[in-house]
Structures are given as C-alpha cells and as structure tokens.
PDB file of N, CA and C in Angstrom:
ATOM      1  N   MET A   1      -9.501   2.535 -12.003  1.00  0.00           N
ATOM      2  CA  MET A   1      -8.906   2.050 -10.423  1.00  0.00           C
ATOM      3  C   MET A   1      -8.267   0.747 -11.308  1.00  0.00           C
ATOM      4  N   GLY A   2      -7.142   0.625 -10.987  1.00  0.00           N
ATOM      5  CA  GLY A   2      -5.856  -0.909 -11.329  1.00  0.00           C
ATOM      6  C   GLY A   2      -6.298  -1.788 -10.065  1.00  0.00           C
ATOM      7  N   THR A   3      -5.426  -3.199  -9.712  1.00  0.00           N
ATOM      8  CA  THR A   3      -5.671  -3.863  -8.935  1.00  0.00           C
ATOM      9  C   THR A   3      -3.803  -4.234  -8.545  1.00  0.00           C
ATOM     10  N   PRO A   4      -3.391  -3.397  -8.427  1.00  0.00           N
ATOM     11  CA  PRO A   4      -1.648  -4.023  -8.494  1.00  0.00           C
ATOM     12  C   PRO A   4      -1.458  -5.125  -7.296  1.00  0.00           C
ATOM     13  N   THR A   5      -0.370  -5.635  -7.239  1.00  0.00           N
ATOM     14  CA  THR A   5      -0.589  -6.309  -6.359  1.00  0.00           C
ATOM     15  C   THR A   5       0.568  -6.392  -5.206  1.00  0.00           C
ATOM     16  N   GLY A   6       0.592  -6.844  -3.635  1.00  0.00           N
ATOM     17  CA  GLY A   6       1.144  -6.414  -3.070  1.00  0.00           C
ATOM     18  C   GLY A   6       1.789  -7.343  -2.602  1.00  0.00           C
ATOM     19  N   THR A   7       2.969  -7.233  -2.854  1.00  0.00           N
ATOM     20  CA  THR A   7       3.874  -8.269  -2.754  1.00  0.00           C
ATOM     21  C   THR A   7       4.668  -8.533  -0.799  1.00  0.00           C
ATOM     22  N   LEU A   8       4.859  -9.082  -0.606  1.00  0.00           N
ATOM     23  CA  LEU A   8       5.156  -9.456   1.147  1.00  0.00           C
ATOM     24  C   LEU A   8       6.602  -9.297   0.796  1.00  0.00           C
ATOM     25  N   VAL A   9       7.315  -7.994   1.829  1.00  0.00           N
ATOM     26  CA  VAL A   9       8.513  -7.516   1.957  1.00  0.00           C
ATOM     27  C   VAL A   9       8.751  -8.464   3.348  1.00  0.00           C
ATOM     28  N   LYS A  10       8.033  -7.985   4.655  1.00  0.00           N
ATOM     29  CA  LYS A  10       8.554  -8.511   5.903  1.00  0.00           C
ATOM     30  C   LYS A  10       7.255  -8.668   6.481  1.00  0.00           C
ATOM     31  N   GLY A  11       7.026  -9.452   7.372  1.00  0.00           N
ATOM     32  CA  GLY A  11       6.058  -9.963   8.428  1.00  0.00           C
ATOM     33  C   GLY A  11       7.425 -10.052   9.595  1.00  0.00           C
ATOM     34  N   THR A  12       5.977  -9.571  10.843  1.00  0.00           N
ATOM     35  CA  THR A  12       6.642  -9.854  11.883  1.00  0.00           C
ATOM     36  C   THR A  12       6.157  -9.725  13.216  1.00  0.00           C
ATOM     37  N   GLU A  13       5.870 -11.065  13.626  1.00  0.00           N
ATOM     38  CA  GLU A  13       5.019 -11.156  14.927  1.00  0.00           C
ATOM     39  C   GLU A  13       5.621 -10.538  16.033  1.00  0.00           C
ATOM     40  N   LEU A  14       4.282  -9.972  16.563  1.00  0.00           N
ATOM     41  CA  LEU A  14       4.177  -9.034  17.756  1.00  0.00           C
ATOM     42  C   LEU A  14       3.580  -9.876  19.156  1.00  0.00           C
ATOM     43  N   ALA A  15       3.172  -9.435  20.124  1.00  0.00           N
ATOM     44  CA  ALA A  15       2.319  -9.900  21.147  1.00  0.00           C
ATOM     45  C   ALA A  15       1.543 -10.378  20.453  1.00  0.00           C
ATOM     46  N   GLY A  16       0.640 -11.523  21.287  1.00  0.00           N
ATOM     47  CA  GLY A  16      -1.205 -11.864  20.790  1.00  0.00           C
ATOM     48  C   GLY A  16      -1.144 -11.710  19.138  1.00  0.00           C
ATOM     49  N   GLN A  17      -1.512 -11.656  18.810  1.00  0.00           N
ATOM     50  CA  GLN A  17      -2.132 -11.795  17.398  1.00  0.00           C
ATOM     51  C   GLN A  17      -2.055 -10.613  16.389  1.00  0.00           C
ATOM     52  N   TYR A  18      -1.055  -9.506  16.860  1.00  0.00           N
ATOM     53  CA  TYR A  18      -0.535  -9.100  16.004  1.00  0.00           C
ATOM     54  C   TYR A  18       0.588  -9.406  15.195  1.00  0.00           C
ATOM     55  N   LYS A  19       0.354  -8.735  14.153  1.00  0.00           N
ATOM     56  CA  LYS A  19       1.533  -9.370  13.152  1.00  0.00           C
ATOM     57  C   LYS A  19       2.220  -7.756  12.428  1.00  0.00           C
ATOM     58  N   ILE A  20       2.737  -7.163  12.187  1.00  0.00           N
ATOM     59  CA  ILE A  20       3.240  -6.112  11.492  1.00  0.00           C
ATOM     60  C   ILE A  20       4.189  -6.639   9.697  1.00  0.00           C
ATOM     61  N   VAL A  21       2.998  -6.104   8.954  1.00  0.00           N
ATOM     62  CA  VAL A  21       3.258  -6.522   7.737  1.00  0.00           C
ATOM     63  C   VAL A  21       3.706  -5.069   6.259  1.00  0.00           C
ATOM     64  N   GLN A  22       5.216  -5.651   5.841  1.00  0.00           N
ATOM     65  CA  GLN A  22       5.747  -4.755   4.755  1.00  0.00           C
ATOM     66  C   GLN A  22       4.858  -5.370   3.361  1.00  0.00           C
ATOM     67  N   VAL A  23       4.693  -4.153   2.621  1.00  0.00           N
ATOM     68  CA  VAL A  23       4.348  -4.530   1.306  1.00  0.00           C
ATOM     69  C   VAL A  23       4.437  -3.845   0.353  1.00  0.00           C
ATOM     70  N   THR A  24       5.014  -4.122  -1.089  1.00  0.00           N
ATOM     71  CA  THR A  24       5.435  -3.288  -1.966  1.00  0.00           C
ATOM     72  C   THR A  24       4.741  -3.561  -2.915  1.00  0.00           C
ATOM     73  N   CYS A  25       4.353  -1.913  -3.733  1.00  0.00           N
ATOM     74  CA  CYS A  25       3.024  -2.654  -5.268  1.00  0.00           C
ATOM     75  C   CYS A  25       3.601  -1.124  -6.042  1.00  0.00           C
ATOM     76  N   ILE A  26       3.426  -1.423  -7.269  1.00  0.00           N
ATOM     77  CA  ILE A  26       3.539  -0.187  -8.411  1.00  0.00           C
ATOM     78  C   ILE A  26       2.361  -0.032  -8.495  1.00  0.00           C
ATOM     79  N   PRO A  27       1.886   0.937  -8.310  1.00  0.00           N
ATOM     80  CA  PRO A  27       1.063   1.842  -8.269  1.00  0.00           C
ATOM     81  C   PRO A  27       0.446   1.702 -10.087  1.00  0.00           C
ATOM     82  N   VAL A  28      -0.704   1.668 -10.397  1.00  0.00           N
ATOM     83  CA  VAL A  28      -1.319   1.898 -11.947  1.00  0.00           C
ATOM     84  C   VAL A  28      -2.200   2.601 -12.460  1.00  0.00           C
ATOM     85  N   SER A  29      -2.416   3.705 -11.443  1.00  0.00           N
ATOM     86  CA  SER A  29      -3.472   4.302 -11.858  1.00  0.00           C
ATOM     87  C   SER A  29      -3.555   5.222 -10.596  1.00  0.00           C
ATOM     88  N   ALA A  30      -4.512   6.215 -10.386  1.00  0.00           N
ATOM     89  CA  ALA A  30      -4.662   7.193  -9.872  1.00  0.00           C
ATOM     90  C   ALA A  30      -5.653   6.697  -8.703  1.00  0.00           C
ATOM     91  N   SER A  31      -5.978   5.716  -8.715  1.00  0.00           N
ATOM     92  CA  SER A  31      -6.582   4.580  -7.423  1.00  0.00           C
ATOM     93  C   SER A  31      -6.769   3.493  -7.581  1.00  0.00           C
ATOM     94  N   ASP A  32      -5.828   2.823  -6.133  1.00  0.00           N
ATOM     95  CA  ASP A  32      -5.592   1.543  -6.835  1.00  0.00           C
ATOM     96  C   ASP A  32      -5.972   0.977  -5.626  1.00  0.00           C
ATOM     97  N   THR A  33      -6.629  -0.684  -5.916  1.00  0.00           N
ATOM     98  CA  THR A  33      -7.084  -1.322  -4.907  1.00  0.00           C
ATOM     99  C   THR A  33      -5.825  -2.023  -4.505  1.00  0.00           C
ATOM    100  N   ILE A  34      -5.125  -2.433  -3.215  1.00  0.00           N
ATOM    101  CA  ILE A  34      -4.513  -3.455  -3.069  1.00  0.00           C
ATOM    102  C   ILE A  34      -5.091  -4.792  -2.351  1.00  0.00           C
ATOM    103  N   THR A  35      -5.618  -5.912  -2.277  1.00  0.00           N
ATOM    104  CA  THR A  35      -6.170  -6.973  -1.149  1.00  0.00           C
ATOM    105  C   THR A  35      -5.331  -7.769  -0.967  1.00  0.00           C
ATOM    106  N   LEU A  36      -5.036  -7.816   0.558  1.00  0.00           N
ATOM    107  CA  LEU A  36      -3.831  -8.507   1.234  1.00  0.00           C
ATOM    108  C   LEU A  36      -5.558  -9.677   1.822  1.00  0.00           C
ATOM    109  N   THR A  37      -4.092 -10.842   1.422  1.00  0.00           N
ATOM    110  CA  THR A  37      -4.962 -12.283   1.859  1.00  0.00           C
ATOM    111  C   THR A  37      -3.851 -13.282   2.972  1.00  0.00           C
ATOM    112  N   LEU A  38      -4.791 -13.736   3.758  1.00  0.00           N
ATOM    113  CA  LEU A  38      -4.274 -14.794   4.694  1.00  0.00           C
ATOM    114  C   LEU A  38      -3.168 -15.688   4.720  1.00  0.00           C
ATOM    115  N   ALA A  39      -3.466 -16.490   3.013  1.00  0.00           N
ATOM    116  CA  ALA A  39      -2.715 -17.010   2.500  1.00  0.00           C
ATOM    117  C   ALA A  39      -1.020 -16.035   2.014  1.00  0.00           C
ATOM    118  N   THR A  40      -1.299 -14.851   1.542  1.00  0.00           N
ATOM    119  CA  THR A  40       0.190 -14.227   1.097  1.00  0.00           C
ATOM    120  C   THR A  40       0.826 -13.506   2.250  1.00  0.00           C
ATOM    121  N   HIS A  41       0.004 -13.000   3.228  1.00  0.00           N
ATOM    122  CA  HIS A  41       0.995 -11.701   3.930  1.00  0.00           C
ATOM    123  C   HIS A  41       0.469 -12.048   5.298  1.00  0.00           C
ATOM    124  N   GLY A  42      -0.418 -13.512   5.669  1.00  0.00           N
ATOM    125  CA  GLY A  42      -0.153 -13.687   7.082  1.00  0.00           C
ATOM    126  C   GLY A  42      -1.119 -13.144   7.459  1.00  0.00           C
ATOM    127  N   ILE A  43      -2.410 -12.203   7.373  1.00  0.00           N
ATOM    128  CA  ILE A  43      -2.986 -11.614   8.552  1.00  0.00           C
ATOM    129  C   ILE A  43      -4.682 -11.772   7.792  1.00  0.00           C
ATOM    130  N   THR A  44      -5.427 -11.898   8.940  1.00  0.00           N
ATOM    131  CA  THR A  44      -6.945 -12.200   8.849  1.00  0.00           C
ATOM    132  C   THR A  44      -7.863 -10.444   8.471  1.00  0.00           C
ATOM    133  N   ALA A  45      -6.968  -9.620   8.570  1.00  0.00           N
ATOM    134  CA  ALA A  45      -7.644  -8.063   9.092  1.00  0.00           C
ATOM    135  C   ALA A  45      -6.444  -7.110   9.360  1.00  0.00           C
ATOM    136  N   ILE A  46      -7.067  -5.929   8.684  1.00  0.00           N
ATOM    137  CA  ILE A  46      -5.815  -4.605   9.011  1.00  0.00           C
ATOM    138  C   ILE A  46      -6.225  -4.129  10.027  1.00  0.00           C
ATOM    139  N   THR A  47      -5.487  -3.498  11.385  1.00  0.00           N
ATOM    140  CA  THR A  47      -5.804  -2.663  12.124  1.00  0.00           C
ATOM    141  C   THR A  47      -5.295  -1.434  12.427  1.00  0.00           C
ATOM    142  N   ALA A  48      -4.308  -0.821  10.940  1.00  0.00           N
ATOM    143  CA  ALA A  48      -4.271   0.646  11.121  1.00  0.00           C
ATOM    144  C   ALA A  48      -2.691   0.118  10.126  1.00  0.00           C
ATOM    145  N   ILE A  49      -2.831   1.438   8.778  1.00  0.00           N
ATOM    146  CA  ILE A  49      -1.662   1.227   8.534  1.00  0.00           C
ATOM    147  C   ILE A  49      -1.135   1.847   8.991  1.00  0.00           C
ATOM    148  N   LEU A  50       0.344   1.518   9.283  1.00  0.00           N
ATOM    149  CA  LEU A  50       1.265   2.482  10.162  1.00  0.00           C
ATOM    150  C   LEU A  50       2.306   3.034   8.749  1.00  0.00           C
ATOM    151  N   GLY A  51       2.253   2.777   7.760  1.00  0.00           N
ATOM    152  CA  GLY A  51       3.691   3.759   6.591  1.00  0.00           C
ATOM    153  C   GLY A  51       2.651   3.441   5.849  1.00  0.00           C
ATOM    154  N   CYS A  52       3.019   4.866   4.473  1.00  0.00           N
ATOM    155  CA  CYS A  52       2.296   4.315   2.859  1.00  0.00           C
ATOM    156  C   CYS A  52       3.362   5.361   2.797  1.00  0.00           C
ATOM    157  N   GLU A  53       4.684   4.784   1.774  1.00  0.00           N
ATOM    158  CA  GLU A  53       5.750   6.393   1.499  1.00  0.00           C
ATOM    159  C   GLU A  53       6.399   5.574  -0.476  1.00  0.00           C
ATOM    160  N   LEU A  54       6.080   6.413  -0.690  1.00  0.00           N
ATOM    161  CA  LEU A  54       6.710   6.291  -2.440  1.00  0.00           C
ATOM    162  C   LEU A  54       8.551   6.223  -2.172  1.00  0.00           C
ATOM    163  N   GLN A  55       8.642   5.010  -3.034  1.00  0.00           N
ATOM    164  CA  GLN A  55      10.301   4.696  -2.988  1.00  0.00           C
ATOM    165  C   GLN A  55      10.849   5.022  -3.690  1.00  0.00           C
ATOM    166  N   ALA A  56      10.316   5.556  -4.883  1.00  0.00           N
ATOM    167  CA  ALA A  56      10.890   5.309  -6.148  1.00  0.00           C
ATOM    168  C   ALA A  56       9.423   6.375  -6.898  1.00  0.00           C
ATOM    169  N   GLY A  57      10.296   6.695  -8.066  1.00  0.00           N
ATOM    170  CA  GLY A  57       9.066   7.679  -9.374  1.00  0.00           C
ATOM    171  C   GLY A  57       8.983   8.790  -9.002  1.00  0.00           C
ATOM    172  N   GLN A  58       9.238   9.365  -8.388  1.00  0.00           N
ATOM    173  CA  GLN A  58       8.277  10.895  -7.277  1.00  0.00           C
ATOM    174  C   GLN A  58       8.988  11.821  -8.404  1.00  0.00           C
ATOM    175  N   ASP A  59       8.144  12.241  -8.730  1.00  0.00           N
ATOM    176  CA  ASP A  59       8.010  13.814  -9.725  1.00  0.00           C
ATOM    177  C   ASP A  59       7.417  14.645  -9.366  1.00  0.00           C
ATOM    178  N   ALA A  60       6.781  15.763 -10.327  1.00  0.00           N
ATOM    179  CA  ALA A  60       6.545  16.566 -10.630  1.00  0.00           C
ATOM    180  C   ALA A  60       4.662  15.757 -11.067  1.00  0.00           C
ATOM    181  N   ASP A  61       4.613  14.478 -11.741  1.00  0.00           N
ATOM    182  CA  ASP A  61       3.120  13.768 -11.935  1.00  0.00           C
ATOM    183  C   ASP A  61       3.004  12.860 -11.439  1.00  0.00           C
ATOM    184  N   LEU A  62       3.931  12.437 -10.297  1.00  0.00           N
ATOM    185  CA  LEU A  62       3.663  11.697  -9.017  1.00  0.00           C
ATOM    186  C   LEU A  62       4.567  12.517  -7.547  1.00  0.00           C
ATOM    187  N   GLN A  63       3.584  12.613  -7.313  1.00  0.00           N
ATOM    188  CA  GLN A  63       4.389  13.486  -6.047  1.00  0.00           C
ATOM    189  C   GLN A  63       4.078  12.927  -4.372  1.00  0.00           C
ATOM    190  N   THR A  64       2.734  12.234  -3.778  1.00  0.00           N
ATOM    191  CA  THR A  64       2.584  11.298  -2.858  1.00  0.00           C
ATOM    192  C   THR A  64       1.270  10.836  -3.234  1.00  0.00           C
ATOM    193  N   VAL A  65       1.360   9.404  -2.161  1.00  0.00           N
ATOM    194  CA  VAL A  65       0.901   8.895  -1.663  1.00  0.00           C
ATOM    195  C   VAL A  65      -0.011   8.698  -0.298  1.00  0.00           C
ATOM    196  N   HIS A  66      -1.235   8.347  -0.543  1.00  0.00           N
ATOM    197  CA  HIS A  66      -2.013   8.095   0.650  1.00  0.00           C
ATOM    198  C   HIS A  66      -2.585   6.499   0.646  1.00  0.00           C
ATOM    199  N   ALA A  67      -3.097   6.196   1.618  1.00  0.00           N
ATOM    200  CA  ALA A  67      -3.753   4.532   1.988  1.00  0.00           C
ATOM    201  C   ALA A  67      -4.804   4.865   2.810  1.00  0.00           C
ATOM    202  N   THR A  68      -5.637   4.049   2.306  1.00  0.00           N
ATOM    203  CA  THR A  68      -6.883   3.725   3.120  1.00  0.00           C
ATOM    204  C   THR A  68      -7.431   2.475   2.972  1.00  0.00           C
ATOM    205  N   PHE A  69      -8.071   1.823   4.280  1.00  0.00           N
ATOM    206  CA  PHE A  69      -8.175   0.547   3.821  1.00  0.00           C
ATOM    207  C   PHE A  69      -9.887   0.018   4.775  1.00  0.00           C
ATOM    208  N   SER A  70     -10.634  -1.161   4.443  1.00  0.00           N
ATOM    209  CA  SER A  70     -11.601  -0.950   4.471  1.00  0.00           C
ATOM    210  C   SER A  70     -11.583  -3.121   4.671  1.00  0.00           C
ATOM    211  N   GLY A  71     -11.446  -3.841   5.586  1.00  0.00           N
ATOM    212  CA  GLY A  71     -11.180  -4.706   5.545  1.00  0.00           C
ATOM    213  C   GLY A  71     -10.073  -5.408   5.371  1.00  0.00           C
ATOM    214  N   LEU A  72     -10.075  -6.614   4.393  1.00  0.00           N
ATOM    215  CA  LEU A  72      -8.149  -6.732   3.768  1.00  0.00           C
ATOM    216  C   LEU A  72      -7.737  -5.207   2.711  1.00  0.00           C
ATOM    217  N   VAL A  73      -8.810  -5.005   2.013  1.00  0.00           N
ATOM    218  CA  VAL A  73      -8.492  -4.448   0.995  1.00  0.00           C
ATOM    219  C   VAL A  73      -7.922  -2.374   1.148  1.00  0.00           C
ATOM    220  N   ILE A  74      -6.767  -2.361   0.868  1.00  0.00           N
ATOM    221  CA  ILE A  74      -6.463  -0.765   1.083  1.00  0.00           C
ATOM    222  C   ILE A  74      -6.334  -0.842  -0.482  1.00  0.00           C
ATOM    223  N   THR A  75      -7.147   0.933  -0.329  1.00  0.00           N
ATOM    224  CA  THR A  75      -7.116   1.681  -1.532  1.00  0.00           C
ATOM    225  C   THR A  75      -6.236   2.971  -1.448  1.00  0.00           C
ATOM    226  N   LEU A  76      -4.992   2.759  -2.181  1.00  0.00           N
ATOM    227  CA  LEU A  76      -3.563   3.426  -2.593  1.00  0.00           C
ATOM    228  C   LEU A  76      -4.194   4.575  -3.285  1.00  0.00           C
ATOM    229  N   VAL A  77      -4.714   6.300  -3.381  1.00  0.00           N
ATOM    230  CA  VAL A  77      -4.403   6.962  -4.096  1.00  0.00           C
ATOM    231  C   VAL A  77      -3.022   8.485  -4.006  1.00  0.00           C
ATOM    232  N   SER A  78      -2.545   8.177  -5.294  1.00  0.00           N
ATOM    233  CA  SER A  78      -1.614   9.082  -5.533  1.00  0.00           C
ATOM    234  C   SER A  78      -1.968  10.133  -6.781  1.00  0.00           C
ATOM    235  N   LEU A  79      -1.149  11.345  -6.146  1.00  0.00           N
ATOM    236  CA  LEU A  79      -1.504  12.668  -6.854  1.00  0.00           C
ATOM    237  C   LEU A  79      -0.090  13.871  -7.361  1.00  0.00           C
ATOM    238  N   ASN A  80      -0.389  13.694  -8.079  1.00  0.00           N
ATOM    239  CA  ASN A  80       0.935  15.182  -8.456  1.00  0.00           C
ATOM    240  C   ASN A  80       0.792  16.419  -7.966  1.00  0.00           C
ATOM    241  N   ALA A  81       1.834  16.793  -8.313  1.00  0.00           N
ATOM    242  CA  ALA A  81       2.638  17.908  -7.501  1.00  0.00           C
ATOM    243  C   ALA A  81       1.890  19.041  -7.542  1.00  0.00           C
ATOM    244  N   ALA A  82       0.392  19.311  -8.334  1.00  0.00           N
ATOM    245  CA  ALA A  82      -0.973  20.675  -7.850  1.00  0.00           C
ATOM    246  C   ALA A  82      -1.638  19.609  -7.084  1.00  0.00           C
ATOM    247  N   GLY A  83      -1.556  18.660  -6.467  1.00  0.00           N
ATOM    248  CA  GLY A  83      -2.838  18.243  -5.749  1.00  0.00           C
ATOM    249  C   GLY A  83      -3.798  17.319  -6.522  1.00  0.00           C
ATOM    250  N   GLY A  84      -3.903  17.436  -8.016  1.00  0.00           N
ATOM    251  CA  GLY A  84      -4.499  16.510  -8.349  1.00  0.00           C
ATOM    252  C   GLY A  84      -4.466  14.822  -8.689  1.00  0.00           C
ATOM    253  N   ALA A  85      -5.271  14.427  -9.019  1.00  0.00           N
ATOM    254  CA  ALA A  85      -4.815  12.841  -9.653  1.00  0.00           C
ATOM    255  C   ALA A  85      -3.240  12.834 -10.217  1.00  0.00           C
ATOM    256  N   SER A  86      -2.350  11.469 -10.076  1.00  0.00           N
ATOM    257  CA  SER A  86      -1.790  11.180 -10.501  1.00  0.00           C
ATOM    258  C   SER A  86      -1.641  11.138 -11.939  1.00  0.00           C
ATOM    259  N   THR A  87      -0.461  11.267 -12.880  1.00  0.00           N
ATOM    260  CA  THR A  87      -0.812  10.637 -14.392  1.00  0.00           C
ATOM    261  C   THR A  87       0.258   9.790 -15.085  1.00  0.00           C
ATOM    262  N   ASN A  88       1.549   9.252 -14.181  1.00  0.00           N
ATOM    263  CA  ASN A  88       2.895   8.948 -14.396  1.00  0.00           C
ATOM    264  C   ASN A  88       2.897   8.205 -13.225  1.00  0.00           C
ATOM    265  N   TRP A  89       3.468   6.625 -13.338  1.00  0.00           N
ATOM    266  CA  TRP A  89       3.433   5.618 -12.333  1.00  0.00           C
ATOM    267  C   TRP A  89       4.412   4.556 -12.671  1.00  0.00           C
ATOM    268  N   ASP A  90       5.509   5.088 -14.027  1.00  0.00           N
ATOM    269  CA  ASP A  90       6.028   4.166 -14.830  1.00  0.00           C
ATOM    270  C   ASP A  90       7.049   3.492 -14.191  1.00  0.00           C
ATOM    271  N   THR A  91       7.909   4.699 -12.893  1.00  0.00           N
ATOM    272  CA  THR A  91       9.406   4.102 -12.481  1.00  0.00           C
ATOM    273  C   THR A  91       8.196   3.886 -10.796  1.00  0.00           C
ATOM    274  N   ALA A  92       7.074   4.192 -10.912  1.00  0.00           N
ATOM    275  CA  ALA A  92       6.581   4.422  -9.329  1.00  0.00           C
ATOM    276  C   ALA A  92       7.287   3.034  -8.413  1.00  0.00           C
ATOM    277  N   VAL A  93       7.276   2.783  -6.944  1.00  0.00           N
ATOM    278  CA  VAL A  93       6.954   1.932  -6.500  1.00  0.00           C
ATOM    279  C   VAL A  93       6.407   2.414  -4.775  1.00  0.00           C
ATOM    280  N   VAL A  94       5.931   2.017  -4.167  1.00  0.00           N
ATOM    281  CA  VAL A  94       4.978   2.416  -2.809  1.00  0.00           C
ATOM    282  C   VAL A  94       5.295   1.403  -1.861  1.00  0.00           C
ATOM    283  N   ARG A  95       5.747   1.766  -0.668  1.00  0.00           N
ATOM    284  CA  ARG A  95       5.933   0.533   0.456  1.00  0.00           C
ATOM    285  C   ARG A  95       4.435   1.494   1.327  1.00  0.00           C
ATOM    286  N   LEU A  96       3.894  -0.290   2.018  1.00  0.00           N
ATOM    287  CA  LEU A  96       3.166  -0.108   2.988  1.00  0.00           C
ATOM    288  C   LEU A  96       3.344  -0.759   4.465  1.00  0.00           C
ATOM    289  N   THR A  97       3.421  -0.201   4.999  1.00  0.00           N
ATOM    290  CA  THR A  97       3.577  -1.105   6.525  1.00  0.00           C
ATOM    291  C   THR A  97       1.795  -0.797   7.007  1.00  0.00           C
ATOM    292  N   VAL A  98       1.836  -2.159   7.256  1.00  0.00           N
ATOM    293  CA  VAL A  98       0.497  -2.765   8.168  1.00  0.00           C
ATOM    294  C   VAL A  98       0.582  -3.261   9.517  1.00  0.00           C
ATOM    295  N   LEU A  99      -0.246  -2.746  10.145  1.00  0.00           N
ATOM    296  CA  LEU A  99      -0.233  -3.794  11.102  1.00  0.00           C
ATOM    297  C   LEU A  99      -1.946  -4.241  11.268  1.00  0.00           C
ATOM    298  N   GLY A 100      -1.408  -5.596  11.345  1.00  0.00           N
ATOM    299  CA  GLY A 100      -3.089  -6.503  11.491  1.00  0.00           C
ATOM    300  C   GLY A 100      -2.970  -7.942  12.290  1.00  0.00           C
ATOM    301  N   THR A 101      -4.341  -8.393  12.224  1.00  0.00           N
ATOM    302  CA  THR A 101      -3.903  -9.503  13.187  1.00  0.00           C
ATOM    303  C   THR A 101      -3.850 -10.965  12.334  1.00  0.00           C
ATOM    304  N   GLN A 102      -3.435 -11.996  13.491  1.00  0.00           N
ATOM    305  CA  GLN A 102      -3.444 -12.818  12.241  1.00  0.00           C
ATOM    306  C   GLN A 102      -4.899 -13.995  12.846  1.00  0.00           C
TER     307      GLN A 102
END
C-alpha cells in the first residue's frame, strides 16, 4: 500500500459549509491511501467522492481506478485490463473530485 500526496487542483465553496475539492495524485501501488487535511485541502470531513478518473497512464496494466473513503482518508484501488491488481503506474495521474465540509 502506497501513500501518494493529494495535490490540490481546485476548491469551490458551495452554500453552507460544503466545498468541492479536486485533487490529483500519482498512484504508487495497486492500493493507495490519500489523506486530505484542513490545512492543505480546506475540508474537515468527506461527504462523498463525486469523481475518480484516470487522466493519464491507461494501458493494459492500468485500466481503471476506484476510490472509497473513511474520514479524510481515501483508498484508491487500481486494476488491470483483466480485473486484477494493477502493476504499472509509471505515467499514471488520477483526479479525485470530493464533496466535503469545512
């Protein structure tokens, strides 16, 4: 399990205390954890993951990515074309769109 850094791309405030945050990360293993923080990402809790997309690096060894969360920790799982664990992340970039509260 790797621990890539979630780099803030954009944060948009909504009504109330909700905020949409986009982060990018480079996966380093088939199962990674990304921890968001108030200081860096501007949220104290994740309400939902609105999007998880592979922006670069898609090939037979890295076909899809999926994300789940608990607290401020996102678990990112990457799969190959056969549905098994991905084995190559050399050129991969993943964008996560998160709905959180401030």
